Amino acid sequence: MKEQPTYLHRPGDLPREELMLLAERTIKQYGGTKQAEVHFKFTCIYCGTRCTLQDANVLYEFGECAICGKQNEIAMGGFTLYVK
């Protein structure tokens, strides 16, 4: 029997398309990729952990939770901005 997801997305999370557009605009606003980078985040639907993708400026279709190790489809999320 397959485990059912328990946790929902967090308030403020955006669908992938909107998230990418906002990230692109934000990076451009802060001087481009030489000055700013984003790390996308998602909530693990199995354990509720907020996970951050390691690679800057890349939104993968799937992410692995660092706590429970389960694969999550990244349908919605957010990001953290780092300015150099």
PDB file of N, CA and C in Angstrom:
ATOM      1  N   MET A   1       0.840  -1.188   0.000  1.00  0.00           N
ATOM      2  CA  MET A   1       0.000   0.000   0.000  1.00  0.00           C
ATOM      3  C   MET A   1       0.879   1.244   0.000  1.00  0.00           C
ATOM      4  N   LYS A   2       0.637   2.144  -0.930  1.00  0.00           N
ATOM      5  CA  LYS A   2       1.435   3.348  -1.083  1.00  0.00           C
ATOM      6  C   LYS A   2       1.083   4.371   0.000  1.00  0.00           C
ATOM      7  N   GLU A   3       2.122   5.004   0.564  1.00  0.00           N
ATOM      8  CA  GLU A   3       1.921   6.018   1.600  1.00  0.00           C
ATOM      9  C   GLU A   3       1.267   7.254   0.996  1.00  0.00           C
ATOM     10  N   GLN A   4       0.274   7.773   1.671  1.00  0.00           N
ATOM     11  CA  GLN A   4      -0.455   8.946   1.201  1.00  0.00           C
ATOM     12  C   GLN A   4       0.183  10.227   1.748  1.00  0.00           C
ATOM     13  N   PRO A   5       0.262  11.264   0.917  1.00  0.00           N
ATOM     14  CA  PRO A   5       0.777  12.548   1.396  1.00  0.00           C
ATOM     15  C   PRO A   5      -0.079  13.087   2.534  1.00  0.00           C
ATOM     16  N   THR A   6       0.568  13.743   3.483  1.00  0.00           N
ATOM     17  CA  THR A   6      -0.113  14.265   4.655  1.00  0.00           C
ATOM     18  C   THR A   6      -0.114  15.789   4.692  1.00  0.00           C
ATOM     19  N   TYR A   7       0.975  16.408   4.256  1.00  0.00           N
ATOM     20  CA  TYR A   7       1.154  17.852   4.405  1.00  0.00           C
ATOM     21  C   TYR A   7       0.847  18.580   3.109  1.00  0.00           C
ATOM     22  N   LEU A   8       0.275  19.762   3.250  1.00  0.00           N
ATOM     23  CA  LEU A   8      -0.038  20.604   2.103  1.00  0.00           C
ATOM     24  C   LEU A   8       1.039  21.661   1.934  1.00  0.00           C
ATOM     25  N   HIS A   9       0.943  22.410   0.874  1.00  0.00           N
ATOM     26  CA  HIS A   9       1.875  23.501   0.631  1.00  0.00           C
ATOM     27  C   HIS A   9       1.663  24.587   1.671  1.00  0.00           C
ATOM     28  N   ARG A  10       2.687  25.384   1.865  1.00  0.00           N
ATOM     29  CA  ARG A  10       2.596  26.471   2.850  1.00  0.00           C
ATOM     30  C   ARG A  10       1.901  27.695   2.258  1.00  0.00           C
ATOM     31  N   PRO A  11       1.266  28.487   3.113  1.00  0.00           N
ATOM     32  CA  PRO A  11       0.670  29.743   2.634  1.00  0.00           C
ATOM     33  C   PRO A  11       1.753  30.600   1.979  1.00  0.00           C
ATOM     34  N   GLY A  12       1.432  31.175   0.855  1.00  0.00           N
ATOM     35  CA  GLY A  12       2.394  32.014   0.139  1.00  0.00           C
ATOM     36  C   GLY A  12       3.153  31.273  -0.949  1.00  0.00           C
ATOM     37  N   ASP A  13       3.134  29.942  -0.926  1.00  0.00           N
ATOM     38  CA  ASP A  13       3.777  29.185  -1.994  1.00  0.00           C
ATOM     39  C   ASP A  13       3.075  29.485  -3.312  1.00  0.00           C
ATOM     40  N   LEU A  14       3.844  29.470  -4.374  1.00  0.00           N
ATOM     41  CA  LEU A  14       3.325  29.773  -5.704  1.00  0.00           C
ATOM     42  C   LEU A  14       3.440  28.560  -6.609  1.00  0.00           C
ATOM     43  N   PRO A  15       2.557  28.464  -7.611  1.00  0.00           N
ATOM     44  CA  PRO A  15       2.712  27.418  -8.622  1.00  0.00           C
ATOM     45  C   PRO A  15       4.033  27.621  -9.381  1.00  0.00           C
ATOM     46  N   ARG A  16       4.560  26.561  -9.950  1.00  0.00           N
ATOM     47  CA  ARG A  16       5.866  26.581 -10.621  1.00  0.00           C
ATOM     48  C   ARG A  16       6.044  27.756 -11.583  1.00  0.00           C
ATOM     49  N   GLU A  17       5.080  27.976 -12.462  1.00  0.00           N
ATOM     50  CA  GLU A  17       5.221  29.008 -13.487  1.00  0.00           C
ATOM     51  C   GLU A  17       5.340  30.392 -12.860  1.00  0.00           C
ATOM     52  N   GLU A  18       4.485  30.673 -11.890  1.00  0.00           N
ATOM     53  CA  GLU A  18       4.529  31.966 -11.204  1.00  0.00           C
ATOM     54  C   GLU A  18       5.828  32.106 -10.413  1.00  0.00           C
ATOM     55  N   LEU A  19       6.254  31.035  -9.783  1.00  0.00           N
ATOM     56  CA  LEU A  19       7.479  31.036  -8.991  1.00  0.00           C
ATOM     57  C   LEU A  19       8.690  31.351  -9.860  1.00  0.00           C
ATOM     58  N   MET A  20       8.772  30.735 -11.031  1.00  0.00           N
ATOM     59  CA  MET A  20       9.886  30.991 -11.941  1.00  0.00           C
ATOM     60  C   MET A  20       9.896  32.442 -12.415  1.00  0.00           C
ATOM     61  N   LEU A  21       8.731  32.974 -12.765  1.00  0.00           N
ATOM     62  CA  LEU A  21       8.659  34.368 -13.218  1.00  0.00           C
ATOM     63  C   LEU A  21       9.094  35.331 -12.115  1.00  0.00           C
ATOM     64  N   LEU A  22       8.615  35.093 -10.895  1.00  0.00           N
ATOM     65  CA  LEU A  22       8.999  35.951  -9.773  1.00  0.00           C
ATOM     66  C   LEU A  22      10.500  35.849  -9.507  1.00  0.00           C
ATOM     67  N   ALA A  23      11.056  34.656  -9.555  1.00  0.00           N
ATOM     68  CA  ALA A  23      12.494  34.473  -9.328  1.00  0.00           C
ATOM     69  C   ALA A  23      13.309  35.197 -10.400  1.00  0.00           C
ATOM     70  N   GLU A  24      12.907  35.078 -11.657  1.00  0.00           N
ATOM     71  CA  GLU A  24      13.626  35.762 -12.742  1.00  0.00           C
ATOM     72  C   GLU A  24      13.590  37.281 -12.553  1.00  0.00           C
ATOM     73  N   ARG A  25      12.426  37.820 -12.224  1.00  0.00           N
ATOM     74  CA  ARG A  25      12.300  39.267 -12.002  1.00  0.00           C
ATOM     75  C   ARG A  25      13.140  39.708 -10.801  1.00  0.00           C
ATOM     76  N   THR A  26      13.130  38.908  -9.748  1.00  0.00           N
ATOM     77  CA  THR A  26      13.877  39.252  -8.532  1.00  0.00           C
ATOM     78  C   THR A  26      15.375  39.246  -8.799  1.00  0.00           C
ATOM     79  N   ILE A  27      15.868  38.235  -9.498  1.00  0.00           N
ATOM     80  CA  ILE A  27      17.301  38.168  -9.827  1.00  0.00           C
ATOM     81  C   ILE A  27      17.700  39.380 -10.661  1.00  0.00           C
ATOM     82  N   LYS A  28      16.888  39.710 -11.639  1.00  0.00           N
ATOM     83  CA  LYS A  28      17.180  40.864 -12.503  1.00  0.00           C
ATOM     84  C   LYS A  28      17.185  42.156 -11.681  1.00  0.00           C
ATOM     85  N   GLN A  29      16.235  42.300 -10.764  1.00  0.00           N
ATOM     86  CA  GLN A  29      16.125  43.488  -9.917  1.00  0.00           C
ATOM     87  C   GLN A  29      17.376  43.684  -9.063  1.00  0.00           C
ATOM     88  N   TYR A  30      18.001  42.593  -8.651  1.00  0.00           N
ATOM     89  CA  TYR A  30      19.177  42.670  -7.780  1.00  0.00           C
ATOM     90  C   TYR A  30      20.500  42.520  -8.523  1.00  0.00           C
ATOM     91  N   GLY A  31      20.505  42.783  -9.836  1.00  0.00           N
ATOM     92  CA  GLY A  31      21.769  42.856 -10.568  1.00  0.00           C
ATOM     93  C   GLY A  31      22.134  41.625 -11.377  1.00  0.00           C
ATOM     94  N   GLY A  32      21.217  40.706 -11.560  1.00  0.00           N
ATOM     95  CA  GLY A  32      21.500  39.521 -12.366  1.00  0.00           C
ATOM     96  C   GLY A  32      22.187  38.429 -11.567  1.00  0.00           C
ATOM     97  N   THR A  33      22.528  37.358 -12.257  1.00  0.00           N
ATOM     98  CA  THR A  33      23.068  36.169 -11.577  1.00  0.00           C
ATOM     99  C   THR A  33      24.474  36.362 -11.023  1.00  0.00           C
ATOM    100  N   LYS A  34      25.163  37.424 -11.430  1.00  0.00           N
ATOM    101  CA  LYS A  34      26.487  37.690 -10.837  1.00  0.00           C
ATOM    102  C   LYS A  34      26.358  38.316  -9.454  1.00  0.00           C
ATOM    103  N   GLN A  35      25.200  38.904  -9.181  1.00  0.00           N
ATOM    104  CA  GLN A  35      24.974  39.574  -7.904  1.00  0.00           C
ATOM    105  C   GLN A  35      23.959  38.883  -7.006  1.00  0.00           C
ATOM    106  N   ALA A  36      23.060  38.127  -7.607  1.00  0.00           N
ATOM    107  CA  ALA A  36      21.965  37.538  -6.826  1.00  0.00           C
ATOM    108  C   ALA A  36      21.697  36.115  -7.281  1.00  0.00           C
ATOM    109  N   GLU A  37      21.252  35.317  -6.345  1.00  0.00           N
ATOM    110  CA  GLU A  37      20.831  33.957  -6.681  1.00  0.00           C
ATOM    111  C   GLU A  37      19.666  33.564  -5.785  1.00  0.00           C
ATOM    112  N   VAL A  38      18.849  32.678  -6.307  1.00  0.00           N
ATOM    113  CA  VAL A  38      17.739  32.156  -5.530  1.00  0.00           C
ATOM    114  C   VAL A  38      17.933  30.660  -5.319  1.00  0.00           C
ATOM    115  N   HIS A  39      17.471  30.204  -4.185  1.00  0.00           N
ATOM    116  CA  HIS A  39      17.435  28.772  -3.881  1.00  0.00           C
ATOM    117  C   HIS A  39      15.971  28.441  -3.624  1.00  0.00           C
ATOM    118  N   PHE A  40      15.428  27.595  -4.483  1.00  0.00           N
ATOM    119  CA  PHE A  40      14.016  27.261  -4.401  1.00  0.00           C
ATOM    120  C   PHE A  40      13.736  26.353  -3.217  1.00  0.00           C
ATOM    121  N   LYS A  41      12.523  26.488  -2.667  1.00  0.00           N
ATOM    122  CA  LYS A  41      12.095  25.724  -1.493  1.00  0.00           C
ATOM    123  C   LYS A  41      10.767  25.037  -1.789  1.00  0.00           C
ATOM    124  N   PHE A  42      10.545  23.931  -1.098  1.00  0.00           N
ATOM    125  CA  PHE A  42       9.256  23.246  -1.164  1.00  0.00           C
ATOM    126  C   PHE A  42       9.012  22.578   0.174  1.00  0.00           C
ATOM    127  N   THR A  43       7.762  22.250   0.431  1.00  0.00           N
ATOM    128  CA  THR A  43       7.400  21.550   1.658  1.00  0.00           C
ATOM    129  C   THR A  43       7.220  20.078   1.339  1.00  0.00           C
ATOM    130  N   CYS A  44       7.903  19.217   2.097  1.00  0.00           N
ATOM    131  CA  CYS A  44       7.763  17.770   1.905  1.00  0.00           C
ATOM    132  C   CYS A  44       6.330  17.379   2.265  1.00  0.00           C
ATOM    133  N   ILE A  45       5.656  16.747   1.320  1.00  0.00           N
ATOM    134  CA  ILE A  45       4.261  16.370   1.561  1.00  0.00           C
ATOM    135  C   ILE A  45       4.137  15.171   2.494  1.00  0.00           C
ATOM    136  N   TYR A  46       5.248  14.514   2.791  1.00  0.00           N
ATOM    137  CA  TYR A  46       5.215  13.328   3.663  1.00  0.00           C
ATOM    138  C   TYR A  46       5.527  13.649   5.122  1.00  0.00           C
ATOM    139  N   CYS A  47       6.505  14.548   5.364  1.00  0.00           N
ATOM    140  CA  CYS A  47       6.869  14.824   6.760  1.00  0.00           C
ATOM    141  C   CYS A  47       6.715  16.292   7.156  1.00  0.00           C
ATOM    142  N   GLY A  48       6.448  17.177   6.179  1.00  0.00           N
ATOM    143  CA  GLY A  48       6.219  18.582   6.479  1.00  0.00           C
ATOM    144  C   GLY A  48       7.458  19.449   6.560  1.00  0.00           C
ATOM    145  N   THR A  49       8.638  18.875   6.349  1.00  0.00           N
ATOM    146  CA  THR A  49       9.884  19.636   6.400  1.00  0.00           C
ATOM    147  C   THR A  49       9.946  20.623   5.247  1.00  0.00           C
ATOM    148  N   ARG A  50      10.435  21.816   5.525  1.00  0.00           N
ATOM    149  CA  ARG A  50      10.667  22.792   4.465  1.00  0.00           C
ATOM    150  C   ARG A  50      12.054  22.499   3.898  1.00  0.00           C
ATOM    151  N   CYS A  51      12.107  22.155   2.635  1.00  0.00           N
ATOM    152  CA  CYS A  51      13.344  21.736   1.979  1.00  0.00           C
ATOM    153  C   CYS A  51      13.812  22.827   1.022  1.00  0.00           C
ATOM    154  N   THR A  52      15.125  23.012   0.938  1.00  0.00           N
ATOM    155  CA  THR A  52      15.729  23.992   0.037  1.00  0.00           C
ATOM    156  C   THR A  52      16.623  23.265  -0.947  1.00  0.00           C
ATOM    157  N   LEU A  53      16.441  23.569  -2.224  1.00  0.00           N
ATOM    158  CA  LEU A  53      17.279  22.954  -3.245  1.00  0.00           C
ATOM    159  C   LEU A  53      18.678  23.551  -3.196  1.00  0.00           C
ATOM    160  N   GLN A  54      19.681  22.714  -3.351  1.00  0.00           N
ATOM    161  CA  GLN A  54      21.069  23.117  -3.195  1.00  0.00           C
ATOM    162  C   GLN A  54      21.576  23.962  -4.365  1.00  0.00           C
ATOM    163  N   ASP A  55      21.166  23.645  -5.586  1.00  0.00           N
ATOM    164  CA  ASP A  55      21.669  24.351  -6.761  1.00  0.00           C
ATOM    165  C   ASP A  55      20.957  25.688  -6.923  1.00  0.00           C
ATOM    166  N   ALA A  56      21.734  26.748  -7.073  1.00  0.00           N
ATOM    167  CA  ALA A  56      21.181  28.092  -7.225  1.00  0.00           C
ATOM    168  C   ALA A  56      20.499  28.251  -8.579  1.00  0.00           C
ATOM    169  N   ASN A  57      19.381  28.956  -8.570  1.00  0.00           N
ATOM    170  CA  ASN A  57      18.666  29.357  -9.781  1.00  0.00           C
ATOM    171  C   ASN A  57      18.146  28.196 -10.609  1.00  0.00           C
ATOM    172  N   VAL A  58      17.958  27.038  -9.993  1.00  0.00           N
ATOM    173  CA  VAL A  58      17.445  25.863 -10.702  1.00  0.00           C
ATOM    174  C   VAL A  58      16.239  25.323  -9.935  1.00  0.00           C
ATOM    175  N   LEU A  59      15.113  25.230 -10.629  1.00  0.00           N
ATOM    176  CA  LEU A  59      13.910  24.651 -10.037  1.00  0.00           C
ATOM    177  C   LEU A  59      13.683  23.284 -10.675  1.00  0.00           C
ATOM    178  N   TYR A  60      14.034  22.248  -9.947  1.00  0.00           N
ATOM    179  CA  TYR A  60      13.859  20.890 -10.441  1.00  0.00           C
ATOM    180  C   TYR A  60      12.391  20.485 -10.374  1.00  0.00           C
ATOM    181  N   GLU A  61      12.014  19.486 -11.160  1.00  0.00           N
ATOM    182  CA  GLU A  61      10.647  18.979 -11.120  1.00  0.00           C
ATOM    183  C   GLU A  61      10.393  18.159  -9.863  1.00  0.00           C
ATOM    184  N   PHE A  62      11.443  17.512  -9.347  1.00  0.00           N
ATOM    185  CA  PHE A  62      11.339  16.691  -8.155  1.00  0.00           C
ATOM    186  C   PHE A  62      12.455  17.055  -7.191  1.00  0.00           C
ATOM    187  N   GLY A  63      12.184  16.882  -5.909  1.00  0.00           N
ATOM    188  CA  GLY A  63      13.188  17.112  -4.887  1.00  0.00           C
ATOM    189  C   GLY A  63      13.095  16.037  -3.833  1.00  0.00           C
ATOM    190  N   GLU A  64      14.241  15.698  -3.256  1.00  0.00           N
ATOM    191  CA  GLU A  64      14.288  14.688  -2.199  1.00  0.00           C
ATOM    192  C   GLU A  64      14.365  15.378  -0.853  1.00  0.00           C
ATOM    193  N   CYS A  65      13.536  14.954   0.064  1.00  0.00           N
ATOM    194  CA  CYS A  65      13.535  15.518   1.411  1.00  0.00           C
ATOM    195  C   CYS A  65      14.783  15.054   2.154  1.00  0.00           C
ATOM    196  N   ALA A  66      15.499  15.992   2.756  1.00  0.00           N
ATOM    197  CA  ALA A  66      16.721  15.673   3.497  1.00  0.00           C
ATOM    198  C   ALA A  66      16.422  14.945   4.804  1.00  0.00           C
ATOM    199  N   ILE A  67      15.196  15.029   5.306  1.00  0.00           N
ATOM    200  CA  ILE A  67      14.844  14.402   6.573  1.00  0.00           C
ATOM    201  C   ILE A  67      14.295  12.989   6.376  1.00  0.00           C
ATOM    202  N   CYS A  68      13.255  12.856   5.554  1.00  0.00           N
ATOM    203  CA  CYS A  68      12.634  11.527   5.393  1.00  0.00           C
ATOM    204  C   CYS A  68      13.107  10.778   4.149  1.00  0.00           C
ATOM    205  N   GLY A  69      13.776  11.491   3.219  1.00  0.00           N
ATOM    206  CA  GLY A  69      14.345  10.856   2.038  1.00  0.00           C
ATOM    207  C   GLY A  69      13.367  10.564   0.913  1.00  0.00           C
ATOM    208  N   LYS A  70      12.133  11.015   1.052  1.00  0.00           N
ATOM    209  CA  LYS A  70      11.127  10.719   0.032  1.00  0.00           C
ATOM    210  C   LYS A  70      11.166  11.750  -1.098  1.00  0.00           C
ATOM    211  N   GLN A  71      10.865  11.273  -2.311  1.00  0.00           N
ATOM    212  CA  GLN A  71      10.794  12.138  -3.488  1.00  0.00           C
ATOM    213  C   GLN A  71       9.479  12.909  -3.485  1.00  0.00           C
ATOM    214  N   ASN A  72       9.566  14.176  -3.809  1.00  0.00           N
ATOM    215  CA  ASN A  72       8.392  15.048  -3.889  1.00  0.00           C
ATOM    216  C   ASN A  72       8.362  15.694  -5.262  1.00  0.00           C
ATOM    217  N   GLU A  73       7.196  15.720  -5.883  1.00  0.00           N
ATOM    218  CA  GLU A  73       7.032  16.530  -7.076  1.00  0.00           C
ATOM    219  C   GLU A  73       6.917  17.972  -6.594  1.00  0.00           C
ATOM    220  N   ILE A  74       7.676  18.860  -7.203  1.00  0.00           N
ATOM    221  CA  ILE A  74       7.649  20.259  -6.782  1.00  0.00           C
ATOM    222  C   ILE A  74       6.654  20.999  -7.670  1.00  0.00           C
ATOM    223  N   ALA A  75       5.412  21.033  -7.217  1.00  0.00           N
ATOM    224  CA  ALA A  75       4.343  21.695  -7.956  1.00  0.00           C
ATOM    225  C   ALA A  75       4.182  23.137  -7.502  1.00  0.00           C
ATOM    226  N   MET A  76       4.552  23.398  -6.242  1.00  0.00           N
ATOM    227  CA  MET A  76       4.449  24.735  -5.658  1.00  0.00           C
ATOM    228  C   MET A  76       5.641  24.946  -4.740  1.00  0.00           C
ATOM    229  N   GLY A  77       5.987  26.201  -4.515  1.00  0.00           N
ATOM    230  CA  GLY A  77       7.103  26.468  -3.613  1.00  0.00           C
ATOM    231  C   GLY A  77       7.375  27.943  -3.466  1.00  0.00           C
ATOM    232  N   GLY A  78       8.550  28.205  -2.925  1.00  0.00           N
ATOM    233  CA  GLY A  78       9.021  29.561  -2.710  1.00  0.00           C
ATOM    234  C   GLY A  78      10.517  29.589  -2.974  1.00  0.00           C
ATOM    235  N   PHE A  79      11.183  30.653  -2.549  1.00  0.00           N
ATOM    236  CA  PHE A  79      12.633  30.712  -2.685  1.00  0.00           C
ATOM    237  C   PHE A  79      13.232  31.642  -1.669  1.00  0.00           C
ATOM    238  N   THR A  80      14.528  31.477  -1.461  1.00  0.00           N
ATOM    239  CA  THR A  80      15.326  32.363  -0.632  1.00  0.00           C
ATOM    240  C   THR A  80      16.246  33.114  -1.559  1.00  0.00           C
ATOM    241  N   LEU A  81      16.392  34.401  -1.360  1.00  0.00           N
ATOM    242  CA  LEU A  81      17.255  35.242  -2.182  1.00  0.00           C
ATOM    243  C   LEU A  81      18.572  35.501  -1.449  1.00  0.00           C
ATOM    244  N   TYR A  82      19.677  35.297  -2.140  1.00  0.00           N
ATOM    245  CA  TYR A  82      20.995  35.627  -1.624  1.00  0.00           C
ATOM    246  C   TYR A  82      21.594  36.698  -2.536  1.00  0.00           C
ATOM    247  N   VAL A  83      22.002  37.824  -1.953  1.00  0.00           N
ATOM    248  CA  VAL A  83      22.619  38.913  -2.705  1.00  0.00           C
ATOM    249  C   VAL A  83      24.075  38.990  -2.280  1.00  0.00           C
ATOM    250  N   LYS A  84      24.961  38.992  -3.252  1.00  0.00           N
ATOM    251  CA  LYS A  84      26.413  39.019  -2.964  1.00  0.00           C
ATOM    252  C   LYS A  84      26.899  40.425  -2.705  1.00  0.00           C
TER     253      LYS A  84
END
